[in-house]
PDB file of all heavy atoms in Angstrom:
ATOM      1  N   THR A   1       0.840  -1.187  -0.007  1.00  0.00           N
ATOM      2  CA  THR A   1       0.021  -0.029  -0.013  1.00  0.00           C
ATOM      3  C   THR A   1       0.895   1.282  -0.002  1.00  0.00           C
ATOM      4  O   THR A   1       1.842   1.338   0.731  1.00  0.00           O
ATOM      5  CB  THR A   1      -0.942  -0.017   1.235  1.00  0.00           C
ATOM      6  OG1 THR A   1      -1.699  -1.204   1.196  1.00  0.00           O
ATOM      7  CG2 THR A   1      -1.834   1.203   1.291  1.00  0.00           C
ATOM      8  N   VAL A   2       0.538   2.237  -0.796  1.00  0.00           N
ATOM      9  CA  VAL A   2       1.283   3.522  -0.834  1.00  0.00           C
ATOM     10  C   VAL A   2       0.312   4.620  -0.482  1.00  0.00           C
ATOM     11  O   VAL A   2      -0.828   4.729  -0.996  1.00  0.00           O
ATOM     12  CB  VAL A   2       1.870   3.752  -2.289  1.00  0.00           C
ATOM     13  CG1 VAL A   2       2.348   5.172  -2.500  1.00  0.00           C
ATOM     14  CG2 VAL A   2       2.922   2.645  -2.598  1.00  0.00           C
ATOM     15  N   ILE A   3       0.801   5.588   0.355  1.00  0.00           N
ATOM     16  CA  ILE A   3      -0.044   6.622   0.858  1.00  0.00           C
ATOM     17  C   ILE A   3       0.677   7.929   0.465  1.00  0.00           C
ATOM     18  O   ILE A   3       1.849   8.176   0.614  1.00  0.00           O
ATOM     19  CB  ILE A   3      -0.199   6.552   2.317  1.00  0.00           C
ATOM     20  CG1 ILE A   3      -0.809   5.246   2.706  1.00  0.00           C
ATOM     21  CG2 ILE A   3      -1.132   7.779   2.818  1.00  0.00           C
ATOM     22  CD1 ILE A   3      -0.878   4.925   4.168  1.00  0.00           C
ATOM     23  N   LEU A   4      -0.160   8.827  -0.158  1.00  0.00           N
ATOM     24  CA  LEU A   4       0.374  10.135  -0.585  1.00  0.00           C
ATOM     25  C   LEU A   4      -0.592  11.254   0.023  1.00  0.00           C
ATOM     26  O   LEU A   4      -1.755  10.961   0.244  1.00  0.00           O
ATOM     27  CB  LEU A   4       0.250  10.309  -2.071  1.00  0.00           C
ATOM     28  CG  LEU A   4       0.853   9.233  -2.980  1.00  0.00           C
ATOM     29  CD1 LEU A   4       0.527   9.440  -4.406  1.00  0.00           C
ATOM     30  CD2 LEU A   4       2.435   9.318  -2.806  1.00  0.00           C
ATOM     31  N   TYR A   5      -0.086  12.381   0.237  1.00  0.00           N
ATOM     32  CA  TYR A   5      -0.918  13.602   0.612  1.00  0.00           C
ATOM     33  C   TYR A   5      -0.930  14.415  -0.722  1.00  0.00           C
ATOM     34  O   TYR A   5       0.009  14.433  -1.492  1.00  0.00           O
ATOM     35  CB  TYR A   5      -0.142  14.423   1.696  1.00  0.00           C
ATOM     36  CG  TYR A   5      -0.337  13.872   3.050  1.00  0.00           C
ATOM     37  CD1 TYR A   5       0.456  14.382   4.067  1.00  0.00           C
ATOM     38  CD2 TYR A   5      -1.240  12.837   3.445  1.00  0.00           C
ATOM     39  CE1 TYR A   5       0.358  13.935   5.341  1.00  0.00           C
ATOM     40  CE2 TYR A   5      -1.279  12.459   4.739  1.00  0.00           C
ATOM     41  CZ  TYR A   5      -0.544  12.939   5.667  1.00  0.00           C
ATOM     42  OH  TYR A   5      -0.597  12.457   6.987  1.00  0.00           O
ATOM     43  N   GLU A   6      -2.083  15.091  -0.865  1.00  0.00           N
ATOM     44  CA  GLU A   6      -2.153  16.025  -2.007  1.00  0.00           C
ATOM     45  C   GLU A   6      -3.006  17.282  -1.785  1.00  0.00           C
ATOM     46  O   GLU A   6      -3.987  17.148  -1.076  1.00  0.00           O
ATOM     47  CB  GLU A   6      -2.603  15.277  -3.339  1.00  0.00           C
ATOM     48  CG  GLU A   6      -2.430  16.019  -4.601  1.00  0.00           C
ATOM     49  CD  GLU A   6      -0.987  16.486  -4.728  1.00  0.00           C
ATOM     50  OE1 GLU A   6      -0.649  17.586  -4.261  1.00  0.00           O
ATOM     51  OE2 GLU A   6      -0.203  15.722  -5.254  1.00  0.00           O
ATOM     52  N   ALA A   7      -2.648  18.326  -2.404  1.00  0.00           N
ATOM     53  CA  ALA A   7      -3.416  19.589  -2.285  1.00  0.00           C
ATOM     54  C   ALA A   7      -4.473  19.541  -3.353  1.00  0.00           C
ATOM     55  O   ALA A   7      -4.349  18.901  -4.402  1.00  0.00           O
ATOM     56  CB  ALA A   7      -2.544  20.816  -2.439  1.00  0.00           C
ATOM     57  N   PRO A   8      -5.701  20.294  -3.148  1.00  0.00           N
ATOM     58  CA  PRO A   8      -6.771  20.263  -4.095  1.00  0.00           C
ATOM     59  C   PRO A   8      -6.351  20.644  -5.507  1.00  0.00           C
ATOM     60  O   PRO A   8      -6.760  20.008  -6.507  1.00  0.00           O
ATOM     61  CB  PRO A   8      -7.788  21.136  -3.515  1.00  0.00           C
ATOM     62  CG  PRO A   8      -7.088  21.967  -2.431  1.00  0.00           C
ATOM     63  CD  PRO A   8      -5.885  21.131  -1.985  1.00  0.00           C
ATOM     64  N   HIS A   9      -5.512  21.661  -5.681  1.00  0.00           N
ATOM     65  CA  HIS A   9      -5.194  22.166  -6.999  1.00  0.00           C
ATOM     66  C   HIS A   9      -4.225  21.288  -7.727  1.00  0.00           C
ATOM     67  O   HIS A   9      -3.983  21.422  -8.891  1.00  0.00           O
ATOM     68  CB  HIS A   9      -4.652  23.603  -6.904  1.00  0.00           C
ATOM     69  CG  HIS A   9      -3.376  23.711  -6.185  1.00  0.00           C
ATOM     70  ND1 HIS A   9      -3.374  23.709  -4.769  1.00  0.00           N
ATOM     71  CD2 HIS A   9      -2.034  23.899  -6.572  1.00  0.00           C
ATOM     72  CE1 HIS A   9      -2.077  23.844  -4.312  1.00  0.00           C
ATOM     73  NE2 HIS A   9      -1.259  23.932  -5.397  1.00  0.00           N
ATOM     74  N   LYS A  10      -3.707  20.194  -7.073  1.00  0.00           N
ATOM     75  CA  LYS A  10      -2.780  19.281  -7.737  1.00  0.00           C
ATOM     76  C   LYS A  10      -3.395  17.827  -7.920  1.00  0.00           C
ATOM     77  O   LYS A  10      -2.762  17.023  -8.451  1.00  0.00           O
ATOM     78  CB  LYS A  10      -1.481  19.234  -6.975  1.00  0.00           C
ATOM     79  CG  LYS A  10      -0.712  20.483  -6.920  1.00  0.00           C
ATOM     80  CD  LYS A  10       0.661  20.282  -6.260  1.00  0.00           C
ATOM     81  CE  LYS A  10       1.066  21.578  -5.538  1.00  0.00           C
ATOM     82  NZ  LYS A  10       1.901  21.310  -4.452  1.00  0.00           N
ATOM     83  N   LEU A  11      -4.566  17.723  -7.272  1.00  0.00           N
ATOM     84  CA  LEU A  11      -5.128  16.327  -7.271  1.00  0.00           C
ATOM     85  C   LEU A  11      -5.325  15.735  -8.594  1.00  0.00           C
ATOM     86  O   LEU A  11      -4.941  14.612  -8.851  1.00  0.00           O
ATOM     87  CB  LEU A  11      -6.472  16.384  -6.462  1.00  0.00           C
ATOM     88  CG  LEU A  11      -7.127  14.955  -6.321  1.00  0.00           C
ATOM     89  CD1 LEU A  11      -6.283  14.077  -5.426  1.00  0.00           C
ATOM     90  CD2 LEU A  11      -8.473  15.098  -5.647  1.00  0.00           C
ATOM     91  N   GLN A  12      -5.959  16.429  -9.514  1.00  0.00           N
ATOM     92  CA  GLN A  12      -6.224  15.920 -10.907  1.00  0.00           C
ATOM     93  C   GLN A  12      -4.934  15.511 -11.599  1.00  0.00           C
ATOM     94  O   GLN A  12      -4.798  14.417 -12.176  1.00  0.00           O
ATOM     95  CB  GLN A  12      -6.982  16.978 -11.708  1.00  0.00           C
ATOM     96  CG  GLN A  12      -8.567  16.948 -11.532  1.00  0.00           C
ATOM     97  CD  GLN A  12      -9.151  15.593 -11.926  1.00  0.00           C
ATOM     98  OE1 GLN A  12      -8.777  15.001 -12.900  1.00  0.00           O
ATOM     99  NE2 GLN A  12     -10.025  15.149 -11.007  1.00  0.00           N
ATOM    100  N   LYS A  13      -3.879  16.363 -11.532  1.00  0.00           N
ATOM    101  CA  LYS A  13      -2.552  16.062 -12.146  1.00  0.00           C
ATOM    102  C   LYS A  13      -1.954  14.829 -11.546  1.00  0.00           C
ATOM    103  O   LYS A  13      -1.426  13.959 -12.229  1.00  0.00           O
ATOM    104  CB  LYS A  13      -1.709  17.324 -11.992  1.00  0.00           C
ATOM    105  CG  LYS A  13      -0.191  16.965 -12.424  1.00  0.00           C
ATOM    106  CD  LYS A  13      -0.123  16.922 -13.941  1.00  0.00           C
ATOM    107  CE  LYS A  13       1.360  16.814 -14.308  1.00  0.00           C
ATOM    108  NZ  LYS A  13       1.688  15.669 -15.206  1.00  0.00           N
ATOM    109  N   THR A  14      -2.008  14.726 -10.204  1.00  0.00           N
ATOM    110  CA  THR A  14      -1.446  13.560  -9.596  1.00  0.00           C
ATOM    111  C   THR A  14      -2.193  12.261  -9.939  1.00  0.00           C
ATOM    112  O   THR A  14      -1.574  11.282 -10.224  1.00  0.00           O
ATOM    113  CB  THR A  14      -1.380  13.748  -8.011  1.00  0.00           C
ATOM    114  OG1 THR A  14      -0.579  14.874  -7.732  1.00  0.00           O
ATOM    115  CG2 THR A  14      -1.001  12.557  -7.303  1.00  0.00           C
ATOM    116  N   LEU A  15      -3.472  12.313  -9.914  1.00  0.00           N
ATOM    117  CA  LEU A  15      -4.282  11.183 -10.393  1.00  0.00           C
ATOM    118  C   LEU A  15      -3.980  10.747 -11.806  1.00  0.00           C
ATOM    119  O   LEU A  15      -3.844   9.537 -12.095  1.00  0.00           O
ATOM    120  CB  LEU A  15      -5.757  11.385 -10.116  1.00  0.00           C
ATOM    121  CG  LEU A  15      -6.214  11.408  -8.653  1.00  0.00           C
ATOM    122  CD1 LEU A  15      -7.649  11.843  -8.557  1.00  0.00           C
ATOM    123  CD2 LEU A  15      -5.944  10.087  -7.955  1.00  0.00           C
ATOM    124  N   GLU A  16      -3.818  11.719 -12.659  1.00  0.00           N
ATOM    125  CA  GLU A  16      -3.407  11.507 -14.047  1.00  0.00           C
ATOM    126  C   GLU A  16      -2.091  10.869 -14.154  1.00  0.00           C
ATOM    127  O   GLU A  16      -1.897   9.812 -14.859  1.00  0.00           O
ATOM    128  CB  GLU A  16      -3.518  12.753 -14.826  1.00  0.00           C
ATOM    129  CG  GLU A  16      -3.117  12.637 -16.308  1.00  0.00           C
ATOM    130  CD  GLU A  16      -3.913  11.652 -17.156  1.00  0.00           C
ATOM    131  OE1 GLU A  16      -5.105  11.494 -16.790  1.00  0.00           O
ATOM    132  OE2 GLU A  16      -3.380  11.089 -18.113  1.00  0.00           O
ATOM    133  N   ASP A  17      -1.104  11.364 -13.370  1.00  0.00           N
ATOM    134  CA  ASP A  17       0.254  10.794 -13.324  1.00  0.00           C
ATOM    135  C   ASP A  17       0.205   9.393 -12.875  1.00  0.00           C
ATOM    136  O   ASP A  17       0.803   8.403 -13.469  1.00  0.00           O
ATOM    137  CB  ASP A  17       1.195  11.548 -12.476  1.00  0.00           C
ATOM    138  CG  ASP A  17       1.607  12.896 -13.129  1.00  0.00           C
ATOM    139  OD1 ASP A  17       1.359  13.138 -14.276  1.00  0.00           O
ATOM    140  OD2 ASP A  17       2.150  13.759 -12.317  1.00  0.00           O
ATOM    141  N   ILE A  18      -0.606   9.100 -11.825  1.00  0.00           N
ATOM    142  CA  ILE A  18      -0.715   7.749 -11.290  1.00  0.00           C
ATOM    143  C   ILE A  18      -1.257   6.785 -12.406  1.00  0.00           C
ATOM    144  O   ILE A  18      -0.791   5.675 -12.642  1.00  0.00           O
ATOM    145  CB  ILE A  18      -1.622   7.633 -10.075  1.00  0.00           C
ATOM    146  CG1 ILE A  18      -0.901   8.356  -8.902  1.00  0.00           C
ATOM    147  CG2 ILE A  18      -2.029   6.185  -9.621  1.00  0.00           C
ATOM    148  CD1 ILE A  18      -1.796   8.613  -7.686  1.00  0.00           C
ATOM    149  N   LEU A  19      -2.303   7.234 -13.040  1.00  0.00           N
ATOM    150  CA  LEU A  19      -2.969   6.427 -14.156  1.00  0.00           C
ATOM    151  C   LEU A  19      -1.963   6.131 -15.247  1.00  0.00           C
ATOM    152  O   LEU A  19      -1.884   5.082 -15.724  1.00  0.00           O
ATOM    153  CB  LEU A  19      -4.188   7.180 -14.677  1.00  0.00           C
ATOM    154  CG  LEU A  19      -5.071   6.504 -15.627  1.00  0.00           C
ATOM    155  CD1 LEU A  19      -5.627   5.208 -15.160  1.00  0.00           C
ATOM    156  CD2 LEU A  19      -6.200   7.459 -16.061  1.00  0.00           C
ATOM    157  N   GLN A  20      -1.286   7.148 -15.690  1.00  0.00           N
ATOM    158  CA  GLN A  20      -0.339   6.949 -16.782  1.00  0.00           C
ATOM    159  C   GLN A  20       0.974   6.125 -16.405  1.00  0.00           C
ATOM    160  O   GLN A  20       1.393   5.417 -17.217  1.00  0.00           O
ATOM    161  CB  GLN A  20       0.157   8.360 -17.367  1.00  0.00           C
ATOM    162  CG  GLN A  20      -0.994   9.197 -17.917  1.00  0.00           C
ATOM    163  CD  GLN A  20      -1.618   8.482 -19.016  1.00  0.00           C
ATOM    164  OE1 GLN A  20      -0.965   7.906 -19.950  1.00  0.00           O
ATOM    165  NE2 GLN A  20      -2.931   8.434 -19.078  1.00  0.00           N
ATOM    166  N   ILE A  21       1.490   6.363 -15.198  1.00  0.00           N
ATOM    167  CA  ILE A  21       2.764   5.788 -14.822  1.00  0.00           C
ATOM    168  C   ILE A  21       2.533   4.361 -14.153  1.00  0.00           C
ATOM    169  O   ILE A  21       3.194   3.384 -14.467  1.00  0.00           O
ATOM    170  CB  ILE A  21       3.488   6.707 -13.958  1.00  0.00           C
ATOM    171  CG1 ILE A  21       3.902   7.915 -14.756  1.00  0.00           C
ATOM    172  CG2 ILE A  21       4.800   5.953 -13.382  1.00  0.00           C
ATOM    173  CD1 ILE A  21       4.448   9.065 -13.802  1.00  0.00           C
ATOM    174  N   ILE A  22       1.555   4.282 -13.238  1.00  0.00           N
ATOM    175  CA  ILE A  22       1.398   3.096 -12.504  1.00  0.00           C
ATOM    176  C   ILE A  22       0.286   2.204 -13.052  1.00  0.00           C
ATOM    177  O   ILE A  22       0.367   0.986 -13.072  1.00  0.00           O
ATOM    178  CB  ILE A  22       1.065   3.408 -11.015  1.00  0.00           C
ATOM    179  CG1 ILE A  22       2.288   4.208 -10.400  1.00  0.00           C
ATOM    180  CG2 ILE A  22       0.704   2.151 -10.230  1.00  0.00           C
ATOM    181  CD1 ILE A  22       1.969   4.782  -9.044  1.00  0.00           C
ATOM    182  N   GLY A  23      -0.773   2.844 -13.575  1.00  0.00           N
ATOM    183  CA  GLY A  23      -1.903   2.070 -14.075  1.00  0.00           C
ATOM    184  C   GLY A  23      -3.204   2.336 -13.354  1.00  0.00           C
ATOM    185  O   GLY A  23      -3.256   3.216 -12.400  1.00  0.00           O
ATOM    186  N   ASP A  24      -4.254   1.702 -13.849  1.00  0.00           N
ATOM    187  CA  ASP A  24      -5.586   1.973 -13.307  1.00  0.00           C
ATOM    188  C   ASP A  24      -5.807   1.038 -12.115  1.00  0.00           C
ATOM    189  O   ASP A  24      -6.645   0.137 -12.104  1.00  0.00           O
ATOM    190  CB  ASP A  24      -6.677   1.712 -14.334  1.00  0.00           C
ATOM    191  CG  ASP A  24      -7.942   2.451 -14.120  1.00  0.00           C
ATOM    192  OD1 ASP A  24      -7.959   3.271 -13.174  1.00  0.00           O
ATOM    193  OD2 ASP A  24      -8.933   2.176 -14.803  1.00  0.00           O
ATOM    194  N   VAL A  25      -5.107   1.345 -11.034  1.00  0.00           N
ATOM    195  CA  VAL A  25      -5.131   0.501  -9.853  1.00  0.00           C
ATOM    196  C   VAL A  25      -6.244   0.956  -8.953  1.00  0.00           C
ATOM    197  O   VAL A  25      -6.810   2.088  -9.082  1.00  0.00           O
ATOM    198  CB  VAL A  25      -3.762   0.553  -9.016  1.00  0.00           C
ATOM    199  CG1 VAL A  25      -2.642   0.041  -9.864  1.00  0.00           C
ATOM    200  CG2 VAL A  25      -3.464   2.032  -8.639  1.00  0.00           C
ATOM    201  N   SER A  26      -6.581   0.161  -7.872  1.00  0.00           N
ATOM    202  CA  SER A  26      -7.573   0.539  -6.913  1.00  0.00           C
ATOM    203  C   SER A  26      -7.015   1.547  -6.078  1.00  0.00           C
ATOM    204  O   SER A  26      -5.835   1.558  -5.678  1.00  0.00           O
ATOM    205  CB  SER A  26      -8.007  -0.698  -6.103  1.00  0.00           C
ATOM    206  OG  SER A  26      -8.584  -1.661  -6.946  1.00  0.00           O
ATOM    207  N   VAL A  27      -7.848   2.493  -5.706  1.00  0.00           N
ATOM    208  CA  VAL A  27      -7.425   3.630  -4.901  1.00  0.00           C
ATOM    209  C   VAL A  27      -8.562   4.121  -3.974  1.00  0.00           C
ATOM    210  O   VAL A  27      -9.737   3.831  -4.202  1.00  0.00           O
ATOM    211  CB  VAL A  27      -7.018   4.859  -5.831  1.00  0.00           C
ATOM    212  CG1 VAL A  27      -8.237   5.358  -6.629  1.00  0.00           C
ATOM    213  CG2 VAL A  27      -6.393   5.993  -5.093  1.00  0.00           C
ATOM    214  N   CYS A  28      -8.221   4.701  -2.980  1.00  0.00           N
ATOM    215  CA  CYS A  28      -9.187   5.375  -2.029  1.00  0.00           C
ATOM    216  C   CYS A  28      -8.670   6.785  -1.764  1.00  0.00           C
ATOM    217  O   CYS A  28      -7.459   7.013  -1.413  1.00  0.00           O
ATOM    218  CB  CYS A  28      -9.310   4.679  -0.690  1.00  0.00           C
ATOM    219  SG  CYS A  28     -10.396   5.524   0.545  1.00  0.00           S
ATOM    220  N   VAL A  29      -9.481   7.794  -2.098  1.00  0.00           N
ATOM    221  CA  VAL A  29      -9.129   9.173  -1.933  1.00  0.00           C
ATOM    222  C   VAL A  29     -10.031   9.727  -0.774  1.00  0.00           C
ATOM    223  O   VAL A  29     -11.275   9.640  -0.842  1.00  0.00           O
ATOM    224  CB  VAL A  29      -9.359  10.002  -3.189  1.00  0.00           C
ATOM    225  CG1 VAL A  29      -9.119  11.504  -2.947  1.00  0.00           C
ATOM    226  CG2 VAL A  29      -8.413   9.524  -4.306  1.00  0.00           C
ATOM    227  N   VAL A  30      -9.291  10.192   0.239  1.00  0.00           N
ATOM    228  CA  VAL A  30     -10.011  10.732   1.456  1.00  0.00           C
ATOM    229  C   VAL A  30      -9.808  12.210   1.462  1.00  0.00           C
ATOM    230  O   VAL A  30      -8.702  12.672   1.402  1.00  0.00           O
ATOM    231  CB  VAL A  30      -9.508   9.991   2.680  1.00  0.00           C
ATOM    232  CG1 VAL A  30     -10.233  10.458   3.958  1.00  0.00           C
ATOM    233  CG2 VAL A  30      -9.613   8.486   2.621  1.00  0.00           C
ATOM    234  N   ARG A  31     -10.927  12.931   1.757  1.00  0.00           N
ATOM    235  CA  ARG A  31     -10.881  14.320   1.860  1.00  0.00           C
ATOM    236  C   ARG A  31     -11.433  14.861   3.146  1.00  0.00           C
ATOM    237  O   ARG A  31     -12.377  14.304   3.633  1.00  0.00           O
ATOM    238  CB  ARG A  31     -11.823  14.912   0.725  1.00  0.00           C
ATOM    239  CG  ARG A  31     -11.936  16.398   0.689  1.00  0.00           C
ATOM    240  CD  ARG A  31     -12.742  16.915  -0.485  1.00  0.00           C
ATOM    241  NE  ARG A  31     -14.185  16.701  -0.224  1.00  0.00           N
ATOM    242  CZ  ARG A  31     -15.000  17.680   0.264  1.00  0.00           C
ATOM    243  NH1 ARG A  31     -14.492  18.906   0.553  1.00  0.00           N
ATOM    244  NH2 ARG A  31     -16.225  17.531   0.396  1.00  0.00           N
ATOM    245  N   GLU A  32     -10.677  15.787   3.726  1.00  0.00           N
ATOM    246  CA  GLU A  32     -11.152  16.453   4.892  1.00  0.00           C
ATOM    247  C   GLU A  32     -11.529  15.489   6.041  1.00  0.00           C
ATOM    248  O   GLU A  32     -12.579  15.624   6.664  1.00  0.00           O
ATOM    249  CB  GLU A  32     -12.311  17.490   4.613  1.00  0.00           C
ATOM    250  CG  GLU A  32     -11.964  18.530   3.682  1.00  0.00           C
ATOM    251  CD  GLU A  32     -10.961  19.535   4.304  1.00  0.00           C
ATOM    252  OE1 GLU A  32     -11.413  20.234   5.245  1.00  0.00           O
ATOM    253  OE2 GLU A  32      -9.838  19.539   3.916  1.00  0.00           O
ATOM    254  N   LEU A  33     -10.687  14.505   6.291  1.00  0.00           N
ATOM    255  CA  LEU A  33     -10.925  13.556   7.378  1.00  0.00           C
ATOM    256  C   LEU A  33     -11.211  14.130   8.629  1.00  0.00           C
ATOM    257  O   LEU A  33     -10.609  15.062   9.083  1.00  0.00           O
ATOM    258  CB  LEU A  33      -9.726  12.620   7.439  1.00  0.00           C
ATOM    259  CG  LEU A  33      -9.908  11.296   8.211  1.00  0.00           C
ATOM    260  CD1 LEU A  33     -10.912  10.354   7.460  1.00  0.00           C
ATOM    261  CD2 LEU A  33      -8.588  10.620   8.339  1.00  0.00           C
ATOM    262  N   THR A  34     -12.198  13.670   9.308  1.00  0.00           N
ATOM    263  CA  THR A  34     -12.713  14.040  10.658  1.00  0.00           C
ATOM    264  C   THR A  34     -13.291  15.421  10.648  1.00  0.00           C
ATOM    265  O   THR A  34     -13.618  16.074  11.703  1.00  0.00           O
ATOM    266  CB  THR A  34     -11.590  14.009  11.765  1.00  0.00           C
ATOM    267  OG1 THR A  34     -10.681  15.032  11.632  1.00  0.00           O
ATOM    268  CG2 THR A  34     -10.908  12.539  11.812  1.00  0.00           C
ATOM    269  N   LYS A  35     -13.602  16.075   9.492  1.00  0.00           N
ATOM    270  CA  LYS A  35     -14.151  17.423   9.423  1.00  0.00           C
ATOM    271  C   LYS A  35     -15.623  17.244   8.865  1.00  0.00           C
ATOM    272  O   LYS A  35     -16.039  16.200   8.438  1.00  0.00           O
ATOM    273  CB  LYS A  35     -13.363  18.288   8.547  1.00  0.00           C
ATOM    274  CG  LYS A  35     -12.019  18.525   9.231  1.00  0.00           C
ATOM    275  CD  LYS A  35     -11.115  19.361   8.273  1.00  0.00           C
ATOM    276  CE  LYS A  35      -9.747  19.476   8.886  1.00  0.00           C
ATOM    277  NZ  LYS A  35      -8.757  20.039   7.908  1.00  0.00           N
ATOM    278  N   ILE A  36     -16.318  18.328   8.847  1.00  0.00           N
ATOM    279  CA  ILE A  36     -17.732  18.299   8.400  1.00  0.00           C
ATOM    280  C   ILE A  36     -17.918  17.823   7.045  1.00  0.00           C
ATOM    281  O   ILE A  36     -18.927  17.184   6.644  1.00  0.00           O
ATOM    282  CB  ILE A  36     -18.406  19.668   8.699  1.00  0.00           C
ATOM    283  CG1 ILE A  36     -19.919  19.514   8.551  1.00  0.00           C
ATOM    284  CG2 ILE A  36     -17.866  20.753   7.737  1.00  0.00           C
ATOM    285  CD1 ILE A  36     -20.696  20.718   9.081  1.00  0.00           C
ATOM    286  N   HIS A  37     -16.988  18.132   6.111  1.00  0.00           N
ATOM    287  CA  HIS A  37     -17.080  17.789   4.691  1.00  0.00           C
ATOM    288  C   HIS A  37     -16.303  16.503   4.358  1.00  0.00           C
ATOM    289  O   HIS A  37     -15.893  16.308   3.219  1.00  0.00           O
ATOM    290  CB  HIS A  37     -16.668  18.934   3.843  1.00  0.00           C
ATOM    291  CG  HIS A  37     -17.508  20.132   4.015  1.00  0.00           C
ATOM    292  ND1 HIS A  37     -18.806  20.222   3.606  1.00  0.00           N
ATOM    293  CD2 HIS A  37     -17.186  21.364   4.565  1.00  0.00           C
ATOM    294  CE1 HIS A  37     -19.294  21.407   3.872  1.00  0.00           C
ATOM    295  NE2 HIS A  37     -18.355  22.054   4.506  1.00  0.00           N
TER     296      HIS A  37
END
């Protein structure tokens, strides 16, 4: 398992890089953990 942190304005680029370089692997993206949103 690999864990990364990412800022909102870079999320799409990072996911695209993952798709292109690593492949269409299973992923879980967690946003604003323990907060209202």
